[in-house]
Protein backbone atom coordinates (compact mmCIF):
# COMPACT_ATOMS: atom_id res chain seq x y z
CA UNK A 1 -33.05 17.54 7.92
CA UNK A 2 -31.01 14.23 8.21
CA UNK A 3 -28.03 14.12 6.64
CA UNK A 4 -26.49 10.73 4.26
CA UNK A 5 -23.24 10.60 3.11
CA UNK A 6 -22.68 8.32 0.36
CA UNK A 7 -18.85 7.36 -0.81
CA UNK A 8 -18.56 7.06 -4.47
CA UNK A 9 -20.81 8.91 -7.20
CA UNK A 10 -21.47 5.79 -8.84
CA UNK A 11 -25.20 4.59 -10.36
CA UNK A 12 -26.14 3.58 -6.48
CA UNK A 13 -25.12 7.47 -5.30
CA UNK A 14 -27.36 8.66 -8.20
CA UNK A 15 -30.23 6.37 -7.97
CA UNK A 16 -30.63 7.33 -4.16
CA UNK A 17 -29.76 11.17 -4.67
CA UNK A 18 -32.29 11.37 -7.50
CA UNK A 19 -34.91 9.36 -5.00
CA UNK A 20 -34.22 11.66 -2.49
CA UNK A 21 -34.84 15.10 -4.60
CA UNK A 22 -37.95 13.32 -5.96
CA UNK A 23 -39.67 12.49 -2.49
CA UNK A 24 -38.87 16.37 -1.32
CA UNK A 25 -40.34 17.64 -4.34
CA UNK A 26 -43.76 15.37 -3.76
CA UNK A 27 -43.39 16.91 0.11
CA UNK A 28 -42.41 13.29 1.34
CA UNK A 29 -39.47 13.05 3.47
CA UNK A 30 -35.54 12.65 2.84
CA UNK A 31 -32.53 13.28 3.91
CA UNK A 32 -30.06 15.69 2.37
CA UNK A 33 -27.63 13.12 0.56
CA UNK A 34 -23.37 14.19 0.12
CA UNK A 35 -21.48 12.66 -2.25
CA UNK A 36 -17.85 12.21 -1.65
CA UNK A 37 -16.10 11.03 -4.67
CA UNK A 38 -12.32 11.22 -5.03
CA UNK A 39 -12.41 11.32 -9.37
CA UNK A 40 -15.05 12.43 -11.75
CA UNK A 41 -19.53 11.12 -11.59
CA UNK A 42 -19.21 7.58 -13.00
CA UNK A 43 -15.86 7.61 -12.86
CA UNK A 44 -15.18 3.79 -12.62
CA UNK A 45 -16.91 3.50 -15.99
CA UNK A 46 -14.13 5.70 -17.43
CA UNK A 47 -10.48 4.73 -18.41
CA UNK A 48 -9.62 7.57 -15.39
CA UNK A 49 -11.10 5.04 -12.70
CA UNK A 50 -8.76 2.05 -13.38
CA UNK A 51 -11.48 -0.89 -14.02
CA UNK A 52 -11.48 -0.24 -17.78
CA UNK A 53 -10.98 1.87 -20.94
CA UNK A 54 -14.21 3.51 -21.18
CA UNK A 55 -14.71 1.12 -25.17
CA UNK A 56 -16.48 -2.02 -23.74
CA UNK A 57 -19.84 -2.31 -23.30
CA UNK A 58 -22.00 -2.40 -20.59
CA UNK A 59 -23.15 -6.15 -19.22
CA UNK A 60 -26.37 -5.29 -17.86
CA UNK A 61 -29.77 -3.50 -19.67
CA UNK A 62 -29.43 0.39 -19.97
CA UNK A 63 -33.11 0.42 -19.53
CA UNK A 64 -31.92 -0.51 -16.13
CA UNK A 65 -31.14 2.53 -15.11
CA UNK A 66 -31.28 4.77 -11.92
CA UNK A 67 -35.12 4.28 -11.60
CA UNK A 68 -35.25 0.54 -12.45
CA UNK A 69 -37.73 -1.65 -12.13
CA UNK A 70 -40.32 1.48 -11.12
CA UNK A 71 -42.28 0.18 -9.25
CA UNK A 72 -41.80 2.34 -5.81
CA UNK A 73 -42.65 0.73 -2.69
CA UNK A 74 -42.54 4.04 -0.61
CA UNK A 75 -45.35 5.12 0.65
CA UNK A 76 -48.93 3.91 -0.40
CA UNK A 77 -51.34 6.07 -2.77
CA UNK A 78 -48.18 8.25 -3.54
CA UNK A 79 -45.77 5.49 -5.56
CA UNK A 80 -46.99 5.84 -8.72
CA UNK A 81 -46.01 9.86 -8.66
CA UNK A 82 -42.69 8.64 -7.54
CA UNK A 83 -42.38 6.66 -10.37
CA UNK A 84 -43.65 9.03 -12.98
CA UNK A 85 -41.54 11.84 -11.79
CA UNK A 86 -38.34 9.05 -11.83
CA UNK A 87 -39.00 8.73 -15.51
CA UNK A 88 -37.47 12.32 -15.65
CA UNK A 89 -34.01 10.92 -14.90
CA UNK A 90 -34.14 7.58 -16.91
CA UNK A 91 -31.67 6.20 -19.82
CA UNK A 92 -34.18 6.76 -22.60
CA UNK A 93 -34.71 10.43 -21.60
CA UNK A 94 -31.12 11.12 -21.24
CA UNK A 95 -31.05 9.52 -25.10
CA UNK A 96 -33.96 12.10 -26.30
CA UNK A 97 -32.66 15.16 -24.69
CA UNK A 98 -29.56 13.66 -26.35
CA UNK A 99 -31.55 13.17 -29.92
CA UNK A 100 -30.48 9.87 -30.38
CA UNK A 101 -33.56 7.65 -29.06
CA UNK A 102 -34.68 6.61 -32.37
CA UNK A 103 -31.52 5.76 -33.44
CA UNK A 104 -30.83 3.31 -30.38
CA UNK A 105 -34.13 1.69 -31.22
CA UNK A 106 -33.32 0.91 -34.41
CA UNK A 107 -30.02 -0.30 -34.05
CA UNK A 108 -31.46 -2.51 -31.89
CA UNK A 109 -31.45 -1.22 -28.29
CA UNK A 110 -27.55 -2.32 -27.78
CA UNK A 111 -25.86 -2.17 -24.36
CA UNK A 112 -23.71 1.27 -24.98
CA UNK A 113 -20.01 1.57 -23.82
CA UNK A 114 -18.87 2.18 -20.38
CA UNK A 115 -17.82 5.63 -21.03
CA UNK A 116 -21.43 6.36 -22.42
CA UNK A 117 -23.21 4.92 -19.31
CA UNK A 118 -20.70 7.39 -17.70
CA UNK A 119 -22.41 10.44 -19.47
CA UNK A 120 -25.86 9.17 -18.64
CA UNK A 121 -24.77 9.29 -14.90
CA UNK A 122 -23.25 12.61 -15.26
CA UNK A 123 -26.15 14.06 -16.85
CA UNK A 124 -28.17 12.61 -13.57
CA UNK A 125 -25.95 14.59 -11.31
CA UNK A 126 -26.48 18.07 -13.29
CA UNK A 127 -29.79 17.34 -13.75
CA UNK A 128 -30.44 16.92 -10.10
CA UNK A 129 -27.79 18.67 -8.42
CA UNK A 130 -26.11 16.66 -6.91
CA UNK A 131 -24.20 17.75 -3.83
CA UNK A 132 -21.05 16.41 -4.46
CA UNK A 133 -17.33 17.09 -2.34
CA UNK A 134 -14.32 16.21 -4.07
CA UNK A 135 -11.92 14.16 -1.97
CA UNK A 136 -10.34 11.37 -1.44
CA UNK A 137 -12.19 9.38 2.06
CA UNK A 138 -8.83 8.92 4.24
CA UNK A 139 -10.43 7.56 7.48
CA UNK A 140 -14.02 6.89 8.61
CA UNK A 141 -15.04 7.57 12.44
CA UNK A 142 -17.97 7.14 14.43
CA UNK A 143 -19.51 11.01 15.72
CA UNK A 144 -22.07 11.51 17.95
CA UNK A 145 -25.29 10.23 16.07
CA UNK A 146 -23.90 9.35 13.06
CA UNK A 147 -20.51 9.35 11.44
CA UNK A 148 -17.59 11.17 10.37
CA UNK A 149 -15.04 11.25 6.77
CA UNK A 150 -11.75 12.45 6.35
CA UNK A 151 -11.08 12.80 3.18
CA UNK A 152 -7.85 14.94 1.21
CA UNK A 153 -9.49 17.04 -1.61
CA UNK A 154 -8.00 17.83 -4.91
CA UNK A 155 -5.25 20.68 -3.50
CA UNK A 156 -4.10 17.71 -0.48
CA UNK A 157 -6.41 19.82 2.30
CA UNK A 158 -8.61 17.77 4.23
CA UNK A 159 -11.93 17.78 3.99
CA UNK A 160 -13.89 16.67 7.36
CA UNK A 161 -17.71 15.69 7.17
CA UNK A 162 -19.99 14.40 9.33
CA UNK A 163 -23.55 12.82 8.58
CA UNK A 164 -26.37 11.13 10.35
CA UNK A 165 -26.06 7.78 8.01
CA UNK A 166 -23.63 6.38 5.75
CA UNK A 167 -23.76 4.48 2.46
CA UNK A 168 -20.44 3.17 1.26
CA UNK A 169 -20.64 2.19 -2.96
CA UNK A 170 -18.05 0.75 -5.29
CA UNK A 171 -15.13 -2.24 -5.66
CA UNK A 172 -12.61 -0.52 -4.23
CA UNK A 173 -8.98 0.42 -5.57
CA UNK A 174 -8.32 -1.42 -8.57
CA UNK A 175 -4.56 -1.15 -8.26
CA UNK A 176 -3.48 -4.74 -6.39
CA UNK A 177 -2.20 -7.44 -8.05
CA UNK A 178 -0.70 -11.21 -6.80
CA UNK A 179 2.42 -9.99 -7.06
CA UNK A 180 4.81 -6.96 -7.57
CA UNK A 181 6.26 -7.67 -10.70
CA UNK A 182 6.64 -5.74 -13.96
CA UNK A 183 5.06 -8.62 -15.76
CA UNK A 184 2.22 -9.14 -13.58
CA UNK A 185 -0.23 -6.01 -14.03
CA UNK A 186 -3.27 -4.79 -12.16
CA UNK A 187 -5.79 -4.44 -13.86
CA UNK A 188 -5.65 -0.54 -13.64
CA UNK A 189 -2.33 -1.39 -15.25
CA UNK A 190 -3.33 -3.22 -17.80
CA UNK A 191 -6.57 -0.85 -19.42
CA UNK A 192 -3.67 1.83 -19.25
CA UNK A 193 -1.16 0.17 -20.93
CA UNK A 194 -4.13 -1.43 -23.57
CA UNK A 195 -5.40 1.90 -23.77
CA UNK A 196 -1.95 3.24 -25.17
CA UNK A 197 -1.62 0.34 -27.45
CA UNK A 198 1.14 0.21 -25.13
CA UNK A 199 0.98 -3.77 -23.75
CA UNK A 200 4.16 -5.30 -23.40
CA UNK A 201 4.84 -8.03 -26.68
CA UNK A 202 3.59 -11.53 -25.60
CA UNK A 203 3.18 -14.71 -26.15
CA UNK A 204 1.48 -16.65 -23.16
CA UNK A 205 -1.59 -14.35 -21.10
CA UNK A 206 -2.96 -15.21 -18.22
CA UNK A 207 -6.14 -13.62 -17.03
CA UNK A 208 -6.37 -14.40 -13.09
CA UNK A 209 -10.63 -14.21 -12.38
CA UNK A 210 -13.55 -15.68 -13.60
CA UNK A 211 -15.86 -12.67 -13.05
CA UNK A 212 -17.21 -9.44 -15.26
CA UNK A 213 -13.71 -7.93 -14.36
CA UNK A 214 -11.83 -10.19 -16.32
CA UNK A 215 -14.23 -11.24 -19.07
CA UNK A 216 -13.96 -8.02 -20.15
CA UNK A 217 -9.71 -7.97 -20.27
CA UNK A 218 -10.37 -10.79 -21.88
CA UNK A 219 -12.56 -9.05 -24.37
CA UNK A 220 -9.59 -7.02 -24.90
CA UNK A 221 -7.17 -9.37 -24.85
CA UNK A 222 -8.48 -11.62 -28.52
CA UNK A 223 -8.14 -8.26 -30.17
CA UNK A 224 -4.18 -8.34 -29.57
CA UNK A 225 -1.95 -10.74 -31.14
CA UNK A 226 -1.38 -12.96 -28.59
CA UNK A 227 -0.99 -17.15 -28.74
CA UNK A 228 -2.14 -18.21 -26.00
CA UNK A 229 -4.42 -16.77 -23.72
CA UNK A 230 -5.52 -19.04 -20.25
CA UNK A 231 -8.06 -17.94 -17.95
CA UNK A 232 -7.47 -19.02 -14.54
CA UNK A 233 -10.28 -19.46 -12.26
CA UNK A 234 -11.35 -21.95 -9.14
CA UNK A 235 -14.59 -22.98 -10.85
CA UNK A 236 -14.22 -26.21 -12.90
CA UNK A 237 -14.79 -24.39 -16.30
CA UNK A 238 -16.00 -20.44 -17.43
CA UNK A 239 -19.59 -20.34 -16.68
CA UNK A 240 -21.51 -18.22 -18.29
CA UNK A 241 -24.15 -15.75 -16.87
CA UNK A 242 -27.83 -16.96 -16.53
CA UNK A 243 -29.69 -14.53 -18.86
CA UNK A 244 -33.49 -16.07 -18.91
CA UNK A 245 -36.62 -14.39 -17.76
CA UNK A 246 -36.30 -16.63 -14.59
CA UNK A 247 -33.35 -15.66 -13.00
CA UNK A 248 -33.43 -11.86 -14.22
CA UNK A 249 -36.75 -11.92 -12.40
CA UNK A 250 -35.02 -12.43 -8.92
CA UNK A 251 -32.39 -9.93 -9.92
CA UNK A 252 -35.39 -7.04 -10.64
CA UNK A 253 -37.76 -7.49 -7.90
CA UNK A 254 -36.86 -9.92 -4.94
CA UNK A 255 -40.38 -10.47 -3.62
CA UNK A 256 -39.09 -13.94 -4.04
CA UNK A 257 -35.75 -13.83 -2.10
CA UNK A 258 -37.21 -14.11 1.39
CA UNK A 259 -38.29 -17.67 0.59
CA UNK A 260 -35.03 -19.38 -0.76
CA UNK A 261 -32.87 -21.10 2.28
CA UNK A 262 -29.48 -19.96 2.21
CA UNK A 263 -28.11 -22.38 0.19
CA UNK A 264 -30.48 -21.50 -2.45
CA UNK A 265 -29.73 -18.16 -2.34
CA UNK A 266 -25.93 -18.87 -2.82
CA UNK A 267 -26.48 -21.21 -5.74
CA UNK A 268 -28.33 -18.66 -7.44
CA UNK A 269 -25.63 -15.78 -7.26
CA UNK A 270 -23.08 -18.29 -7.79
CA UNK A 271 -24.57 -19.33 -10.96
CA UNK A 272 -25.76 -15.79 -12.38
CA UNK A 273 -23.44 -13.31 -10.75
CA UNK A 274 -20.36 -14.31 -9.54
CA UNK A 275 -17.66 -15.63 -11.38
CA UNK A 276 -19.55 -15.98 -14.30
CA UNK A 277 -19.32 -14.57 -17.77
CA UNK A 278 -22.38 -11.99 -19.97
CA UNK A 279 -23.20 -14.59 -22.69
CA UNK A 280 -21.46 -11.85 -25.63
CA UNK A 281 -18.16 -11.86 -23.93
CA UNK A 282 -18.23 -15.66 -24.17
CA UNK A 283 -19.67 -15.66 -27.55
CA UNK A 284 -16.69 -13.88 -28.51
CA UNK A 285 -14.56 -16.39 -26.67
CA UNK A 286 -15.93 -19.46 -28.20
CA UNK A 287 -14.70 -18.77 -31.24
CA UNK A 288 -11.22 -18.07 -30.44
CA UNK A 289 -9.13 -21.05 -30.21
CA UNK A 290 -6.37 -19.40 -28.45
CA UNK A 291 -8.48 -18.87 -25.25
CA UNK A 292 -8.05 -21.86 -22.70
CA UNK A 293 -9.41 -22.41 -19.10
CA UNK A 294 -6.89 -23.63 -16.19
CA UNK A 295 -8.42 -24.40 -12.94
CA UNK A 296 -6.95 -23.21 -9.84
CA UNK A 297 -6.30 -20.67 -7.13
CA UNK A 298 -3.12 -18.68 -8.57
CA UNK A 299 -1.20 -18.84 -4.54
CA UNK A 300 2.04 -17.97 -5.96
CA UNK A 301 4.29 -16.08 -8.55
CA UNK A 302 7.90 -16.30 -9.34
CA UNK A 303 10.27 -15.46 -11.96
CA UNK A 304 11.52 -18.64 -14.51
CA UNK A 305 14.04 -17.71 -17.08
CA UNK A 306 12.49 -15.04 -19.24
CA UNK A 307 8.93 -15.84 -18.02
CA UNK A 308 6.51 -15.94 -14.55
CA UNK A 309 6.14 -19.40 -13.53
CA UNK A 310 2.18 -19.13 -11.78
CA UNK A 311 1.68 -21.87 -9.34
CA UNK A 312 -2.00 -22.89 -9.23
CA UNK A 313 -3.68 -25.24 -6.69
CA UNK A 314 -6.63 -27.77 -6.38
CA UNK A 315 -8.07 -29.27 -3.43
CA UNK A 316 -8.02 -32.91 -5.10
CA UNK A 317 -4.52 -32.82 -7.10
CA UNK A 318 -0.70 -31.40 -6.46
CA UNK A 319 0.27 -27.66 -7.14
CA UNK A 320 0.94 -26.78 -10.72
CA UNK A 321 3.24 -25.04 -12.49
CA UNK A 322 2.21 -22.96 -15.89
CA UNK A 323 4.75 -20.35 -17.72
CA UNK A 324 3.87 -17.05 -18.98
CA UNK A 325 5.10 -14.13 -20.07
CA UNK A 326 2.29 -12.05 -19.05
CA UNK A 327 -0.15 -11.90 -15.78
CA UNK A 328 -3.07 -10.01 -15.57
CA UNK A 329 -4.97 -10.04 -12.02
CA UNK A 330 -8.62 -9.56 -12.71
CA UNK A 331 -9.91 -10.73 -9.54
CA UNK A 332 -12.09 -7.54 -9.56
CA UNK A 333 -12.68 -5.78 -6.32
CA UNK A 334 -12.54 -6.55 -2.60
CA UNK A 335 -15.79 -6.70 -0.90
CA UNK A 336 -14.27 -5.58 2.42
CA UNK A 337 -12.08 -2.67 1.58
CA UNK A 338 -13.86 -0.09 3.31
CA UNK A 339 -12.65 -1.46 6.86
CA UNK A 340 -9.11 -0.23 5.95
CA UNK A 341 -11.00 3.12 6.35
CA UNK A 342 -11.88 2.75 9.89
CA UNK A 343 -10.73 3.83 12.85
CA UNK A 344 -10.80 1.59 16.38
CA UNK A 345 -13.93 2.93 17.29
CA UNK A 346 -15.77 2.47 14.19
CA UNK A 347 -14.40 -1.19 14.22
CA UNK A 348 -15.29 -1.47 17.60
CA UNK A 349 -19.05 -0.68 16.85
CA UNK A 350 -19.30 -3.09 13.87
CA UNK A 351 -17.79 -5.52 15.99
CA UNK A 352 -20.34 -5.09 18.46
CA UNK A 353 -23.60 -5.28 15.73
CA UNK A 354 -22.11 -8.30 14.28
CA UNK A 355 -21.08 -10.21 16.86
CA UNK A 356 -17.09 -10.20 16.43
CA UNK A 357 -14.62 -9.88 13.93
CA UNK A 358 -16.06 -8.48 10.70
CA UNK A 359 -15.35 -11.09 8.06
CA UNK A 360 -17.23 -11.14 4.72
CA UNK A 361 -19.37 -13.97 6.00
CA UNK A 362 -21.26 -11.77 9.50
CA UNK A 363 -21.53 -8.46 7.90
CA UNK A 364 -23.72 -9.62 4.21
CA UNK A 365 -25.81 -11.92 7.37
CA UNK A 366 -26.48 -9.02 9.49
CA UNK A 367 -27.84 -6.62 6.53
CA UNK A 368 -31.71 -5.52 6.94
CA UNK A 369 -34.15 -5.25 4.55
CA UNK A 370 -32.98 -1.09 4.28
CA UNK A 371 -29.67 -2.54 3.40
CA UNK A 372 -27.66 -1.26 6.63
CA UNK A 373 -25.87 -3.17 8.70
CA UNK A 374 -29.15 -4.09 11.83
CA UNK A 375 -28.30 -3.37 15.15
CA UNK A 376 -26.32 0.13 14.46
CA UNK A 377 -27.53 3.24 15.74
CA UNK A 378 -26.25 5.42 13.50
CA UNK A 379 -26.81 3.71 9.63
CA UNK A 380 -24.23 2.08 7.61
CA UNK A 381 -25.41 0.98 4.34
CA UNK A 382 -23.68 -1.62 2.47
CA UNK A 383 -25.70 -2.61 -0.94
CA UNK A 384 -22.67 -4.27 -2.54
CA UNK A 385 -22.60 -6.49 0.60
CA UNK A 386 -26.52 -7.64 0.38
CA UNK A 387 -26.92 -10.04 -2.12
CA UNK A 388 -27.27 -13.12 0.04
CA UNK A 389 -29.78 -11.85 2.54
CA UNK A 390 -31.64 -9.01 0.43
CA UNK A 391 -31.71 -10.59 -3.15
CA UNK A 392 -28.61 -10.58 -5.91
CA UNK A 393 -29.57 -7.21 -7.59
CA UNK A 394 -28.44 -4.92 -4.75
CA UNK A 395 -24.55 -5.29 -5.73
CA UNK A 396 -24.76 -4.45 -9.31
CA UNK A 397 -27.34 -2.35 -11.90
CA UNK A 398 -30.11 -4.72 -11.76
CA UNK A 399 -32.51 -2.99 -9.50
CA UNK A 400 -31.29 0.28 -8.54
CA UNK A 401 -34.73 1.85 -8.35
CA UNK A 402 -35.68 -1.14 -5.32
CA UNK A 403 -32.44 -0.04 -3.66
CA UNK A 404 -33.37 3.86 -3.38
CA UNK A 405 -36.75 2.76 -2.04
CA UNK A 406 -34.99 0.50 0.84
CA UNK A 407 -32.48 2.76 1.57
CA UNK A 408 -34.88 5.63 1.95
CA UNK A 409 -37.62 3.88 3.52
CA UNK A 410 -39.67 4.50 6.48
CA UNK A 411 -37.65 3.71 10.33
CA UNK A 412 -40.21 0.95 10.71
CA UNK A 413 -38.41 -0.91 7.76
CA UNK A 414 -34.96 0.25 8.76
CA UNK A 415 -35.98 -1.70 12.34
CA UNK A 416 -36.54 -4.84 10.59
CA UNK A 417 -40.15 -4.92 11.07
CA UNK A 418 -42.19 -5.75 7.68
CA UNK A 419 -44.21 -2.35 6.89
CA UNK A 420 -46.87 -2.56 4.99
CA UNK A 421 -45.60 -1.38 1.41
CA UNK A 422 -42.75 -4.05 1.37
CA UNK A 423 -42.20 -7.36 -0.95
CA UNK A 424 -40.59 -8.95 1.07
CA UNK A 425 -37.52 -8.88 3.70
CA UNK A 426 -35.60 -11.56 4.97
């Protein structure tokens, strides 16, 4: 049996591990799945992960759970069995087991708080007896016919794992900021202080970022006593995420994605996923006159008296400087964070596969039907970079069931040919 190593015990890892268990129970081939996690299952949805205080609501419907959209295309004649088996690990099954399903329905099916979503993921992990190794991955090396991970365990001891395939998930560290200054907070520092009600007393606050990370921070800030809150982003305005059926359907089922040009795909992602706020957050901000938008890229931070001067750059006008009491860097995760873990041999293999230095554009263009980098003998699955090539739902929570199908699909599909059970490939 092949071994699939996964870095990060979040929704994507749970989706793949659960589907693999279901396939094996149905007598179908699936790899052994081993997950390496530095904190706990679903940690990025808890305060300990540094991306939230756990009290804000999920931006996606929880019914888009680890099996959604429940129309597997993995094996002709067996897909109905796979779909039925996956429902045992659904969001509604979680609520039924805990006796809260009727209450959730009667309350209008609200999106759960982040910490509740983490409890759902932990419930799934227990039910499937997830094989998890506690440790922080320090390096990724090429091994004979696979990959080798070196991690640091809870006690500081090194842990080495070898697998045939590797999947990397997660946004990376939440401890990065535009400047090292006590009045410039990382998103992890912000949530730690906000959770302890210990944010520095500030009249003028800036939040750098225009996506979901920034939106959650703003949703928290409007509950505090700041006099003005500025959203800093390079876009012309703060856009609302598209939530119509036509947009959502591209996330749930990427059947139409292959027919779109690269520019059309980027337009969809820009309009619906990157640099946009959820409808709920937008509605919260609209009624608060303290919130304003400043267009530009933050390029410099300097002290100015008791405040922080933030320099914003726009292509069509000179740089502008604005002074704040507190700056929060909420630009979100770094898509290529994992490259810092690769040793030289692993980096060389990746460069050969993608035809040059590993850049965001080169890697995302190389992602195949199975969400892995093409032309690598040892599979490297990068679903967080699969949006442009394969569909906008793969980096987020929009089609976890389809994601697990792709990762676990046959070698025919993995080589890039169109298998009889596939709906679409690029």
